[in-house]
């Protein structure tokens, strides 16, 4: 079996996370974050669909990390994103971080909106 290291030439992957923080692209970010390609910023949670919707020209899908457990995204949040053509995939935050990295490695147009653990 041959293993090869995944590189992200035009993106910043999740490198780690813990209680209340994420390490992305070599920097620590406190609280909830919205990550896309080379940009990471704070995210206001499900009440902040506008920040994600503004990425409609850059992404096809957003991976929503809901903390330690999967919870349903509010209908208004999901509807606001689907109205601008963004698919919404909801999963626990650790799964969202890993899936985001895999899709970045494949060159996909993806964002991660994740709630801190």
PDB file of N, CA and C in Angstrom:
ATOM      1  N   UNK A   1       0.840  -1.164   0.000  1.00  0.00           N
ATOM      2  CA  UNK A   1       0.000   0.000   0.000  1.00  0.00           C
ATOM      3  C   UNK A   1       0.891   1.234   0.000  1.00  0.00           C
ATOM      4  N   UNK A   2       0.578   2.159  -0.869  1.00  0.00           N
ATOM      5  CA  UNK A   2       1.341   3.403  -0.950  1.00  0.00           C
ATOM      6  C   UNK A   2       0.496   4.536  -0.386  1.00  0.00           C
ATOM      7  N   UNK A   3       1.068   5.288   0.538  1.00  0.00           N
ATOM      8  CA  UNK A   3       0.388   6.439   1.115  1.00  0.00           C
ATOM      9  C   UNK A   3       1.009   7.709   0.561  1.00  0.00           C
ATOM     10  N   UNK A   4       0.181   8.687   0.316  1.00  0.00           N
ATOM     11  CA  UNK A   4       0.703   9.971  -0.139  1.00  0.00           C
ATOM     12  C   UNK A   4       0.059  11.073   0.678  1.00  0.00           C
ATOM     13  N   UNK A   5       0.840  12.089   0.954  1.00  0.00           N
ATOM     14  CA  UNK A   5       0.358  13.212   1.734  1.00  0.00           C
ATOM     15  C   UNK A   5      -0.540  14.090   0.874  1.00  0.00           C
ATOM     16  N   UNK A   6      -1.667  14.501   1.441  1.00  0.00           N
ATOM     17  CA  UNK A   6      -2.578  15.398   0.737  1.00  0.00           C
ATOM     18  C   UNK A   6      -2.066  16.822   0.928  1.00  0.00           C
ATOM     19  N   UNK A   7      -1.985  17.555  -0.167  1.00  0.00           N
ATOM     20  CA  UNK A   7      -1.583  18.953  -0.088  1.00  0.00           C
ATOM     21  C   UNK A   7      -2.754  19.827  -0.518  1.00  0.00           C
ATOM     22  N   UNK A   8      -2.785  21.011  -0.015  1.00  0.00           N
ATOM     23  CA  UNK A   8      -3.858  21.958  -0.295  1.00  0.00           C
ATOM     24  C   UNK A   8      -3.225  23.240  -0.830  1.00  0.00           C
ATOM     25  N   UNK A   9      -2.843  23.275  -2.099  1.00  0.00           N
ATOM     26  CA  UNK A   9      -2.109  24.437  -2.611  1.00  0.00           C
ATOM     27  C   UNK A   9      -2.892  25.743  -2.584  1.00  0.00           C
ATOM     28  N   UNK A  10      -4.209  25.673  -2.734  1.00  0.00           N
ATOM     29  CA  UNK A  10      -5.008  26.897  -2.787  1.00  0.00           C
ATOM     30  C   UNK A  10      -6.075  26.943  -1.707  1.00  0.00           C
ATOM     31  N   UNK A  11      -5.833  26.285  -0.580  1.00  0.00           N
ATOM     32  CA  UNK A  11      -6.849  26.235   0.459  1.00  0.00           C
ATOM     33  C   UNK A  11      -6.208  26.042   1.824  1.00  0.00           C
ATOM     34  N   UNK A  12      -6.971  26.312   2.874  1.00  0.00           N
ATOM     35  CA  UNK A  12      -6.516  26.100   4.245  1.00  0.00           C
ATOM     36  C   UNK A  12      -7.395  25.034   4.897  1.00  0.00           C
ATOM     37  N   UNK A  13      -6.812  23.885   5.250  1.00  0.00           N
ATOM     38  CA  UNK A  13      -7.581  22.803   5.847  1.00  0.00           C
ATOM     39  C   UNK A  13      -7.686  22.938   7.366  1.00  0.00           C
ATOM     40  N   UNK A  14      -8.648  22.205   7.934  1.00  0.00           N
ATOM     41  CA  UNK A  14      -8.715  22.061   9.382  1.00  0.00           C
ATOM     42  C   UNK A  14      -7.547  21.169   9.794  1.00  0.00           C
ATOM     43  N   UNK A  15      -6.813  21.603  10.799  1.00  0.00           N
ATOM     44  CA  UNK A  15      -5.687  20.821  11.302  1.00  0.00           C
ATOM     45  C   UNK A  15      -5.977  20.248  12.679  1.00  0.00           C
ATOM     46  N   UNK A  16      -6.964  20.806  13.354  1.00  0.00           N
ATOM     47  CA  UNK A  16      -7.327  20.322  14.676  1.00  0.00           C
ATOM     48  C   UNK A  16      -8.477  21.128  15.240  1.00  0.00           C
ATOM     49  N   UNK A  17      -9.029  20.638  16.347  1.00  0.00           N
ATOM     50  CA  UNK A  17     -10.108  21.333  17.038  1.00  0.00           C
ATOM     51  C   UNK A  17     -10.157  20.826  18.460  1.00  0.00           C
ATOM     52  N   UNK A  18     -10.775  21.606  19.312  1.00  0.00           N
ATOM     53  CA  UNK A  18     -10.920  21.237  20.710  1.00  0.00           C
ATOM     54  C   UNK A  18     -12.022  22.069  21.319  1.00  0.00           C
ATOM     55  N   UNK A  19     -12.143  22.040  22.626  1.00  0.00           N
ATOM     56  CA  UNK A  19     -13.216  22.797  23.275  1.00  0.00           C
ATOM     57  C   UNK A  19     -13.128  24.294  22.963  1.00  0.00           C
ATOM     58  N   UNK A  20     -14.022  24.768  22.120  1.00  0.00           N
ATOM     59  CA  UNK A  20     -14.118  26.194  21.821  1.00  0.00           C
ATOM     60  C   UNK A  20     -13.179  26.745  20.774  1.00  0.00           C
ATOM     61  N   UNK A  21     -12.400  25.886  20.089  1.00  0.00           N
ATOM     62  CA  UNK A  21     -11.466  26.424  19.099  1.00  0.00           C
ATOM     63  C   UNK A  21     -11.263  25.468  17.926  1.00  0.00           C
ATOM     64  N   UNK A  22     -10.709  26.038  16.846  1.00  0.00           N
ATOM     65  CA  UNK A  22     -10.304  25.282  15.660  1.00  0.00           C
ATOM     66  C   UNK A  22      -8.917  25.754  15.262  1.00  0.00           C
ATOM     67  N   UNK A  23      -8.066  24.840  14.785  1.00  0.00           N
ATOM     68  CA  UNK A  23      -6.781  25.220  14.197  1.00  0.00           C
ATOM     69  C   UNK A  23      -6.908  24.985  12.697  1.00  0.00           C
ATOM     70  N   UNK A  24      -6.818  26.081  11.946  1.00  0.00           N
ATOM     71  CA  UNK A  24      -7.034  26.036  10.503  1.00  0.00           C
ATOM     72  C   UNK A  24      -5.883  26.788   9.840  1.00  0.00           C
ATOM     73  N   UNK A  25      -5.225  26.124   8.917  1.00  0.00           N
ATOM     74  CA  UNK A  25      -4.130  26.769   8.202  1.00  0.00           C
ATOM     75  C   UNK A  25      -3.058  27.333   9.107  1.00  0.00           C
ATOM     76  N   UNK A  26      -2.798  26.663  10.226  1.00  0.00           N
ATOM     77  CA  UNK A  26      -1.743  27.099  11.129  1.00  0.00           C
ATOM     78  C   UNK A  26      -2.146  28.163  12.132  1.00  0.00           C
ATOM     79  N   UNK A  27      -3.394  28.587  12.139  1.00  0.00           N
ATOM     80  CA  UNK A  27      -3.856  29.608  13.075  1.00  0.00           C
ATOM     81  C   UNK A  27      -4.997  29.074  13.915  1.00  0.00           C
ATOM     82  N   UNK A  28      -5.070  29.528  15.156  1.00  0.00           N
ATOM     83  CA  UNK A  28      -6.145  29.133  16.059  1.00  0.00           C
ATOM     84  C   UNK A  28      -7.273  30.156  15.960  1.00  0.00           C
ATOM     85  N   UNK A  29      -8.498  29.640  15.805  1.00  0.00           N
ATOM     86  CA  UNK A  29      -9.702  30.479  15.728  1.00  0.00           C
ATOM     87  C   UNK A  29     -10.637  30.057  16.856  1.00  0.00           C
ATOM     88  N   UNK A  30     -11.029  31.011  17.667  1.00  0.00           N
ATOM     89  CA  UNK A  30     -11.927  30.747  18.791  1.00  0.00           C
ATOM     90  C   UNK A  30     -13.379  30.811  18.329  1.00  0.00           C
ATOM     91  N   UNK A  31     -14.225  29.963  18.880  1.00  0.00           N
ATOM     92  CA  UNK A  31     -15.655  30.003  18.617  1.00  0.00           C
ATOM     93  C   UNK A  31     -16.039  29.372  17.288  1.00  0.00           C
ATOM     94  N   UNK A  32     -17.239  29.668  16.834  1.00  0.00           N
ATOM     95  CA  UNK A  32     -17.782  29.121  15.585  1.00  0.00           C
ATOM     96  C   UNK A  32     -17.071  29.760  14.390  1.00  0.00           C
ATOM     97  N   UNK A  33     -16.842  28.974  13.335  1.00  0.00           N
ATOM     98  CA  UNK A  33     -16.153  29.517  12.166  1.00  0.00           C
ATOM     99  C   UNK A  33     -16.843  29.130  10.870  1.00  0.00           C
ATOM    100  N   UNK A  34     -16.597  29.961   9.879  1.00  0.00           N
ATOM    101  CA  UNK A  34     -17.006  29.719   8.502  1.00  0.00           C
ATOM    102  C   UNK A  34     -15.726  29.686   7.682  1.00  0.00           C
ATOM    103  N   UNK A  35     -15.430  28.514   7.117  1.00  0.00           N
ATOM    104  CA  UNK A  35     -14.195  28.332   6.345  1.00  0.00           C
ATOM    105  C   UNK A  35     -14.543  28.058   4.889  1.00  0.00           C
ATOM    106  N   UNK A  36     -13.839  28.735   3.997  1.00  0.00           N
ATOM    107  CA  UNK A  36     -13.984  28.497   2.567  1.00  0.00           C
ATOM    108  C   UNK A  36     -12.645  28.784   1.906  1.00  0.00           C
ATOM    109  N   UNK A  37     -12.146  27.825   1.169  1.00  0.00           N
ATOM    110  CA  UNK A  37     -10.891  27.938   0.438  1.00  0.00           C
ATOM    111  C   UNK A  37      -9.791  28.549   1.306  1.00  0.00           C
ATOM    112  N   UNK A  38      -9.415  29.796   1.066  1.00  0.00           N
ATOM    113  CA  UNK A  38      -8.337  30.431   1.822  1.00  0.00           C
ATOM    114  C   UNK A  38      -8.840  31.440   2.837  1.00  0.00           C
ATOM    115  N   UNK A  39     -10.121  31.403   3.149  1.00  0.00           N
ATOM    116  CA  UNK A  39     -10.701  32.386   4.042  1.00  0.00           C
ATOM    117  C   UNK A  39     -11.350  31.702   5.249  1.00  0.00           C
ATOM    118  N   UNK A  40     -11.094  32.239   6.430  1.00  0.00           N
ATOM    119  CA  UNK A  40     -11.722  31.757   7.661  1.00  0.00           C
ATOM    120  C   UNK A  40     -12.187  32.973   8.438  1.00  0.00           C
ATOM    121  N   UNK A  41     -13.418  32.925   8.910  1.00  0.00           N
ATOM    122  CA  UNK A  41     -13.948  34.040   9.709  1.00  0.00           C
ATOM    123  C   UNK A  41     -14.928  33.490  10.740  1.00  0.00           C
ATOM    124  N   UNK A  42     -15.287  34.323  11.680  1.00  0.00           N
ATOM    125  CA  UNK A  42     -16.277  33.935  12.671  1.00  0.00           C
ATOM    126  C   UNK A  42     -17.629  33.712  12.019  1.00  0.00           C
ATOM    127  N   UNK A  43     -18.419  32.843  12.635  1.00  0.00           N
ATOM    128  CA  UNK A  43     -19.758  32.554  12.114  1.00  0.00           C
ATOM    129  C   UNK A  43     -20.751  32.651  13.255  1.00  0.00           C
ATOM    130  N   UNK A  44     -21.881  33.307  13.011  1.00  0.00           N
ATOM    131  CA  UNK A  44     -22.895  33.545  14.036  1.00  0.00           C
ATOM    132  C   UNK A  44     -23.871  32.416  14.261  1.00  0.00           C
ATOM    133  N   UNK A  45     -23.614  31.252  13.726  1.00  0.00           N
ATOM    134  CA  UNK A  45     -24.511  30.117  13.929  1.00  0.00           C
ATOM    135  C   UNK A  45     -25.703  30.165  12.980  1.00  0.00           C
ATOM    136  N   UNK A  46     -26.728  29.427  13.323  1.00  0.00           N
ATOM    137  CA  UNK A  46     -27.881  29.291  12.434  1.00  0.00           C
ATOM    138  C   UNK A  46     -28.605  30.608  12.156  1.00  0.00           C
ATOM    139  N   UNK A  47     -28.412  31.613  12.992  1.00  0.00           N
ATOM    140  CA  UNK A  47     -29.021  32.925  12.735  1.00  0.00           C
ATOM    141  C   UNK A  47     -28.237  33.719  11.695  1.00  0.00           C
ATOM    142  N   UNK A  48     -27.113  33.185  11.236  1.00  0.00           N
ATOM    143  CA  UNK A  48     -26.228  33.888  10.313  1.00  0.00           C
ATOM    144  C   UNK A  48     -26.181  33.197   8.945  1.00  0.00           C
ATOM    145  N   UNK A  49     -27.343  32.998   8.336  1.00  0.00           N
ATOM    146  CA  UNK A  49     -27.368  32.381   7.007  1.00  0.00           C
ATOM    147  C   UNK A  49     -26.840  33.337   5.942  1.00  0.00           C
ATOM    148  N   UNK A  50     -26.909  34.642   6.191  1.00  0.00           N
ATOM    149  CA  UNK A  50     -26.466  35.631   5.206  1.00  0.00           C
ATOM    150  C   UNK A  50     -24.977  35.499   4.886  1.00  0.00           C
ATOM    151  N   UNK A  51     -24.143  35.198   5.889  1.00  0.00           N
ATOM    152  CA  UNK A  51     -22.706  35.035   5.641  1.00  0.00           C
ATOM    153  C   UNK A  51     -22.431  33.880   4.691  1.00  0.00           C
ATOM    154  N   UNK A  52     -23.174  32.805   4.847  1.00  0.00           N
ATOM    155  CA  UNK A  52     -22.991  31.637   3.983  1.00  0.00           C
ATOM    156  C   UNK A  52     -23.590  31.911   2.609  1.00  0.00           C
ATOM    157  N   UNK A  53     -24.774  32.503   2.563  1.00  0.00           N
ATOM    158  CA  UNK A  53     -25.441  32.789   1.290  1.00  0.00           C
ATOM    159  C   UNK A  53     -24.600  33.717   0.418  1.00  0.00           C
ATOM    160  N   UNK A  54     -23.814  34.592   1.039  1.00  0.00           N
ATOM    161  CA  UNK A  54     -22.954  35.507   0.282  1.00  0.00           C
ATOM    162  C   UNK A  54     -21.869  34.768  -0.499  1.00  0.00           C
ATOM    163  N   UNK A  55     -21.658  33.502  -0.187  1.00  0.00           N
ATOM    164  CA  UNK A  55     -20.639  32.696  -0.867  1.00  0.00           C
ATOM    165  C   UNK A  55     -21.183  31.936  -2.071  1.00  0.00           C
ATOM    166  N   UNK A  56     -22.407  32.208  -2.474  1.00  0.00           N
ATOM    167  CA  UNK A  56     -23.066  31.437  -3.530  1.00  0.00           C
ATOM    168  C   UNK A  56     -22.255  31.346  -4.822  1.00  0.00           C
ATOM    169  N   UNK A  57     -21.502  32.376  -5.162  1.00  0.00           N
ATOM    170  CA  UNK A  57     -20.707  32.344  -6.396  1.00  0.00           C
ATOM    171  C   UNK A  57     -19.446  31.483  -6.242  1.00  0.00           C
ATOM    172  N   UNK A  58     -19.067  31.166  -4.985  1.00  0.00           N
ATOM    173  CA  UNK A  58     -17.818  30.441  -4.728  1.00  0.00           C
ATOM    174  C   UNK A  58     -18.005  28.971  -4.381  1.00  0.00           C
ATOM    175  N   UNK A  59     -19.192  28.600  -3.869  1.00  0.00           N
ATOM    176  CA  UNK A  59     -19.371  27.236  -3.363  1.00  0.00           C
ATOM    177  C   UNK A  59     -20.632  26.587  -3.924  1.00  0.00           C
ATOM    178  N   UNK A  60     -20.624  25.254  -3.874  1.00  0.00           N
ATOM    179  CA  UNK A  60     -21.801  24.479  -4.258  1.00  0.00           C
ATOM    180  C   UNK A  60     -22.509  23.893  -3.051  1.00  0.00           C
ATOM    181  N   UNK A  61     -21.744  23.640  -1.989  1.00  0.00           N
ATOM    182  CA  UNK A  61     -22.299  23.009  -0.794  1.00  0.00           C
ATOM    183  C   UNK A  61     -21.617  23.549   0.449  1.00  0.00           C
ATOM    184  N   UNK A  62     -22.387  23.615   1.541  1.00  0.00           N
ATOM    185  CA  UNK A  62     -21.822  23.973   2.838  1.00  0.00           C
ATOM    186  C   UNK A  62     -22.031  22.785   3.777  1.00  0.00           C
ATOM    187  N   UNK A  63     -20.953  22.415   4.446  1.00  0.00           N
ATOM    188  CA  UNK A  63     -21.010  21.373   5.463  1.00  0.00           C
ATOM    189  C   UNK A  63     -21.244  22.075   6.790  1.00  0.00           C
ATOM    190  N   UNK A  64     -22.338  21.764   7.441  1.00  0.00           N
ATOM    191  CA  UNK A  64     -22.703  22.433   8.686  1.00  0.00           C
ATOM    192  C   UNK A  64     -22.390  21.499   9.844  1.00  0.00           C
ATOM    193  N   UNK A  65     -21.437  21.902  10.669  1.00  0.00           N
ATOM    194  CA  UNK A  65     -21.085  21.144  11.858  1.00  0.00           C
ATOM    195  C   UNK A  65     -21.905  21.634  13.031  1.00  0.00           C
ATOM    196  N   UNK A  66     -22.667  20.728  13.637  1.00  0.00           N
ATOM    197  CA  UNK A  66     -23.632  21.108  14.669  1.00  0.00           C
ATOM    198  C   UNK A  66     -23.159  20.815  16.086  1.00  0.00           C
ATOM    199  N   UNK A  67     -21.859  20.747  16.294  1.00  0.00           N
ATOM    200  CA  UNK A  67     -21.336  20.441  17.619  1.00  0.00           C
ATOM    201  C   UNK A  67     -21.070  18.955  17.757  1.00  0.00           C
ATOM    202  N   UNK A  68     -21.186  18.439  18.971  1.00  0.00           N
ATOM    203  CA  UNK A  68     -20.877  17.035  19.238  1.00  0.00           C
ATOM    204  C   UNK A  68     -21.929  16.085  18.670  1.00  0.00           C
ATOM    205  N   UNK A  69     -23.135  16.532  18.537  1.00  0.00           N
ATOM    206  CA  UNK A  69     -24.246  15.706  18.055  1.00  0.00           C
ATOM    207  C   UNK A  69     -24.849  16.323  16.793  1.00  0.00           C
ATOM    208  N   UNK A  70     -25.479  15.506  15.985  1.00  0.00           N
ATOM    209  CA  UNK A  70     -26.200  16.023  14.822  1.00  0.00           C
ATOM    210  C   UNK A  70     -27.540  16.580  15.272  1.00  0.00           C
ATOM    211  N   UNK A  71     -27.819  17.797  14.881  1.00  0.00           N
ATOM    212  CA  UNK A  71     -29.142  18.392  15.095  1.00  0.00           C
ATOM    213  C   UNK A  71     -29.614  18.925  13.746  1.00  0.00           C
ATOM    214  N   UNK A  72     -30.895  19.036  13.585  1.00  0.00           N
ATOM    215  CA  UNK A  72     -31.434  19.537  12.324  1.00  0.00           C
ATOM    216  C   UNK A  72     -31.189  21.032  12.202  1.00  0.00           C
ATOM    217  N   UNK A  73     -30.829  21.445  11.010  1.00  0.00           N
ATOM    218  CA  UNK A  73     -30.700  22.881  10.730  1.00  0.00           C
ATOM    219  C   UNK A  73     -32.102  23.472  10.661  1.00  0.00           C
ATOM    220  N   UNK A  74     -32.311  24.643  11.222  1.00  0.00           N
ATOM    221  CA  UNK A  74     -33.623  25.278  11.141  1.00  0.00           C
ATOM    222  C   UNK A  74     -34.060  25.442   9.680  1.00  0.00           C
ATOM    223  N   UNK A  75     -35.337  25.302   9.448  1.00  0.00           N
ATOM    224  CA  UNK A  75     -35.877  25.391   8.086  1.00  0.00           C
ATOM    225  C   UNK A  75     -35.520  26.717   7.422  1.00  0.00           C
ATOM    226  N   UNK A  76     -35.558  27.819   8.168  1.00  0.00           N
ATOM    227  CA  UNK A  76     -35.257  29.126   7.590  1.00  0.00           C
ATOM    228  C   UNK A  76     -33.793  29.190   7.123  1.00  0.00           C
ATOM    229  N   UNK A  77     -32.883  28.601   7.876  1.00  0.00           N
ATOM    230  CA  UNK A  77     -31.470  28.567   7.509  1.00  0.00           C
ATOM    231  C   UNK A  77     -31.280  27.771   6.222  1.00  0.00           C
ATOM    232  N   UNK A  78     -31.820  26.576   6.196  1.00  0.00           N
ATOM    233  CA  UNK A  78     -31.698  25.707   5.025  1.00  0.00           C
ATOM    234  C   UNK A  78     -32.346  26.360   3.799  1.00  0.00           C
ATOM    235  N   UNK A  79     -33.515  26.920   3.960  1.00  0.00           N
ATOM    236  CA  UNK A  79     -34.228  27.544   2.842  1.00  0.00           C
ATOM    237  C   UNK A  79     -33.463  28.730   2.260  1.00  0.00           C
ATOM    238  N   UNK A  80     -32.870  29.544   3.136  1.00  0.00           N
ATOM    239  CA  UNK A  80     -32.117  30.718   2.673  1.00  0.00           C
ATOM    240  C   UNK A  80     -30.940  30.294   1.802  1.00  0.00           C
ATOM    241  N   UNK A  81     -30.286  29.199   2.148  1.00  0.00           N
ATOM    242  CA  UNK A  81     -29.132  28.746   1.374  1.00  0.00           C
ATOM    243  C   UNK A  81     -29.556  28.030   0.100  1.00  0.00           C
ATOM    244  N   UNK A  82     -30.556  27.201   0.195  1.00  0.00           N
ATOM    245  CA  UNK A  82     -31.024  26.498  -0.999  1.00  0.00           C
ATOM    246  C   UNK A  82     -31.606  27.473  -2.022  1.00  0.00           C
ATOM    247  N   UNK A  83     -32.158  28.598  -1.560  1.00  0.00           N
ATOM    248  CA  UNK A  83     -32.715  29.600  -2.469  1.00  0.00           C
ATOM    249  C   UNK A  83     -31.650  30.233  -3.365  1.00  0.00           C
ATOM    250  N   UNK A  84     -30.403  30.247  -2.898  1.00  0.00           N
ATOM    251  CA  UNK A  84     -29.318  30.808  -3.711  1.00  0.00           C
ATOM    252  C   UNK A  84     -28.463  29.708  -4.343  1.00  0.00           C
ATOM    253  N   UNK A  85     -28.939  28.469  -4.280  1.00  0.00           N
ATOM    254  CA  UNK A  85     -28.271  27.365  -4.961  1.00  0.00           C
ATOM    255  C   UNK A  85     -27.178  26.660  -4.182  1.00  0.00           C
ATOM    256  N   UNK A  86     -27.147  26.839  -2.872  1.00  0.00           N
ATOM    257  CA  UNK A  86     -26.143  26.177  -2.034  1.00  0.00           C
ATOM    258  C   UNK A  86     -26.776  24.964  -1.364  1.00  0.00           C
ATOM    259  N   UNK A  87     -26.167  23.796  -1.563  1.00  0.00           N
ATOM    260  CA  UNK A  87     -26.615  22.590  -0.884  1.00  0.00           C
ATOM    261  C   UNK A  87     -26.164  22.623   0.572  1.00  0.00           C
ATOM    262  N   UNK A  88     -26.942  21.995   1.444  1.00  0.00           N
ATOM    263  CA  UNK A  88     -26.659  21.999   2.876  1.00  0.00           C
ATOM    264  C   UNK A  88     -26.544  20.560   3.362  1.00  0.00           C
ATOM    265  N   UNK A  89     -25.397  20.224   3.957  1.00  0.00           N
ATOM    266  CA  UNK A  89     -25.177  18.905   4.551  1.00  0.00           C
ATOM    267  C   UNK A  89     -24.880  19.097   6.033  1.00  0.00           C
ATOM    268  N   UNK A  90     -25.710  18.513   6.883  1.00  0.00           N
ATOM    269  CA  UNK A  90     -25.595  18.686   8.325  1.00  0.00           C
ATOM    270  C   UNK A  90     -24.983  17.430   8.947  1.00  0.00           C
ATOM    271  N   UNK A  91     -24.025  17.639   9.846  1.00  0.00           N
ATOM    272  CA  UNK A  91     -23.348  16.525  10.516  1.00  0.00           C
ATOM    273  C   UNK A  91     -22.670  17.045  11.773  1.00  0.00           C
ATOM    274  N   UNK A  92     -22.193  16.159  12.650  1.00  0.00           N
ATOM    275  CA  UNK A  92     -21.440  16.643  13.813  1.00  0.00           C
ATOM    276  C   UNK A  92     -20.191  17.403  13.366  1.00  0.00           C
ATOM    277  N   UNK A  93     -19.742  18.333  14.179  1.00  0.00           N
ATOM    278  CA  UNK A  93     -18.593  19.165  13.825  1.00  0.00           C
ATOM    279  C   UNK A  93     -17.344  18.365  13.455  1.00  0.00           C
ATOM    280  N   UNK A  94     -16.955  17.328  14.219  1.00  0.00           N
ATOM    281  CA  UNK A  94     -15.755  16.581  13.808  1.00  0.00           C
ATOM    282  C   UNK A  94     -15.881  15.987  12.402  1.00  0.00           C
ATOM    283  N   UNK A  95     -17.045  15.468  12.066  1.00  0.00           N
ATOM    284  CA  UNK A  95     -17.274  14.910  10.728  1.00  0.00           C
ATOM    285  C   UNK A  95     -17.228  15.992   9.670  1.00  0.00           C
ATOM    286  N   UNK A  96     -17.775  17.168   9.970  1.00  0.00           N
ATOM    287  CA  UNK A  96     -17.758  18.272   9.012  1.00  0.00           C
ATOM    288  C   UNK A  96     -16.328  18.714   8.721  1.00  0.00           C
ATOM    289  N   UNK A  97     -15.487  18.761   9.748  1.00  0.00           N
ATOM    290  CA  UNK A  97     -14.080  19.160   9.549  1.00  0.00           C
ATOM    291  C   UNK A  97     -13.358  18.158   8.659  1.00  0.00           C
ATOM    292  N   UNK A  98     -13.531  16.875   8.939  1.00  0.00           N
ATOM    293  CA  UNK A  98     -12.858  15.845   8.132  1.00  0.00           C
ATOM    294  C   UNK A  98     -13.375  15.842   6.694  1.00  0.00           C
ATOM    295  N   UNK A  99     -14.675  15.928   6.527  1.00  0.00           N
ATOM    296  CA  UNK A  99     -15.267  15.901   5.188  1.00  0.00           C
ATOM    297  C   UNK A  99     -14.842  17.122   4.388  1.00  0.00           C
ATOM    298  N   UNK A 100     -14.789  18.273   5.026  1.00  0.00           N
ATOM    299  CA  UNK A 100     -14.320  19.501   4.376  1.00  0.00           C
ATOM    300  C   UNK A 100     -12.914  19.301   3.821  1.00  0.00           C
ATOM    301  N   UNK A 101     -12.020  18.723   4.633  1.00  0.00           N
ATOM    302  CA  UNK A 101     -10.645  18.499   4.178  1.00  0.00           C
ATOM    303  C   UNK A 101     -10.591  17.553   2.981  1.00  0.00           C
ATOM    304  N   UNK A 102     -11.386  16.496   3.007  1.00  0.00           N
ATOM    305  CA  UNK A 102     -11.410  15.546   1.891  1.00  0.00           C
ATOM    306  C   UNK A 102     -11.881  16.243   0.619  1.00  0.00           C
ATOM    307  N   UNK A 103     -12.974  16.998   0.722  1.00  0.00           N
ATOM    308  CA  UNK A 103     -13.508  17.682  -0.456  1.00  0.00           C
ATOM    309  C   UNK A 103     -12.558  18.767  -0.958  1.00  0.00           C
ATOM    310  N   UNK A 104     -11.878  19.464  -0.045  1.00  0.00           N
ATOM    311  CA  UNK A 104     -10.858  20.436  -0.470  1.00  0.00           C
ATOM    312  C   UNK A 104      -9.762  19.745  -1.263  1.00  0.00           C
ATOM    313  N   UNK A 105      -9.327  18.596  -0.773  1.00  0.00           N
ATOM    314  CA  UNK A 105      -8.287  17.842  -1.449  1.00  0.00           C
ATOM    315  C   UNK A 105      -8.686  17.397  -2.847  1.00  0.00           C
ATOM    316  N   UNK A 106      -9.993  17.248  -3.065  1.00  0.00           N
ATOM    317  CA  UNK A 106     -10.515  16.881  -4.384  1.00  0.00           C
ATOM    318  C   UNK A 106     -10.773  18.097  -5.255  1.00  0.00           C
ATOM    319  N   UNK A 107     -10.538  19.299  -4.717  1.00  0.00           N
ATOM    320  CA  UNK A 107     -10.752  20.524  -5.477  1.00  0.00           C
ATOM    321  C   UNK A 107     -12.204  20.955  -5.567  1.00  0.00           C
ATOM    322  N   UNK A 108     -13.031  20.486  -4.661  1.00  0.00           N
ATOM    323  CA  UNK A 108     -14.457  20.833  -4.677  1.00  0.00           C
ATOM    324  C   UNK A 108     -14.713  22.240  -4.176  1.00  0.00           C
ATOM    325  N   UNK A 109     -15.842  22.787  -4.590  1.00  0.00           N
ATOM    326  CA  UNK A 109     -16.277  24.135  -4.166  1.00  0.00           C
ATOM    327  C   UNK A 109     -17.138  23.976  -2.906  1.00  0.00           C
ATOM    328  N   UNK A 110     -16.475  23.987  -1.754  1.00  0.00           N
ATOM    329  CA  UNK A 110     -17.130  23.655  -0.492  1.00  0.00           C
ATOM    330  C   UNK A 110     -16.786  24.677   0.588  1.00  0.00           C
ATOM    331  N   UNK A 111     -17.699  24.824   1.529  1.00  0.00           N
ATOM    332  CA  UNK A 111     -17.456  25.647   2.720  1.00  0.00           C
ATOM    333  C   UNK A 111     -17.827  24.806   3.929  1.00  0.00           C
ATOM    334  N   UNK A 112     -17.298  25.189   5.071  1.00  0.00           N
ATOM    335  CA  UNK A 112     -17.671  24.552   6.346  1.00  0.00           C
ATOM    336  C   UNK A 112     -18.109  25.641   7.301  1.00  0.00           C
ATOM    337  N   UNK A 113     -19.328  25.524   7.782  1.00  0.00           N
ATOM    338  CA  UNK A 113     -19.854  26.400   8.815  1.00  0.00           C
ATOM    339  C   UNK A 113     -20.009  25.526  10.051  1.00  0.00           C
ATOM    340  N   UNK A 114     -19.131  25.707  11.026  1.00  0.00           N
ATOM    341  CA  UNK A 114     -19.067  24.759  12.132  1.00  0.00           C
ATOM    342  C   UNK A 114     -19.214  25.429  13.485  1.00  0.00           C
ATOM    343  N   UNK A 115     -20.011  24.786  14.328  1.00  0.00           N
ATOM    344  CA  UNK A 115     -20.175  25.229  15.701  1.00  0.00           C
ATOM    345  C   UNK A 115     -19.063  24.608  16.532  1.00  0.00           C
ATOM    346  N   UNK A 116     -18.462  25.399  17.400  1.00  0.00           N
ATOM    347  CA  UNK A 116     -17.388  24.904  18.259  1.00  0.00           C
ATOM    348  C   UNK A 116     -17.930  23.857  19.222  1.00  0.00           C
ATOM    349  N   UNK A 117     -17.058  22.937  19.597  1.00  0.00           N
ATOM    350  CA  UNK A 117     -17.425  21.895  20.558  1.00  0.00           C
ATOM    351  C   UNK A 117     -17.402  22.462  21.959  1.00  0.00           C
TER     352      UNK A 117
END
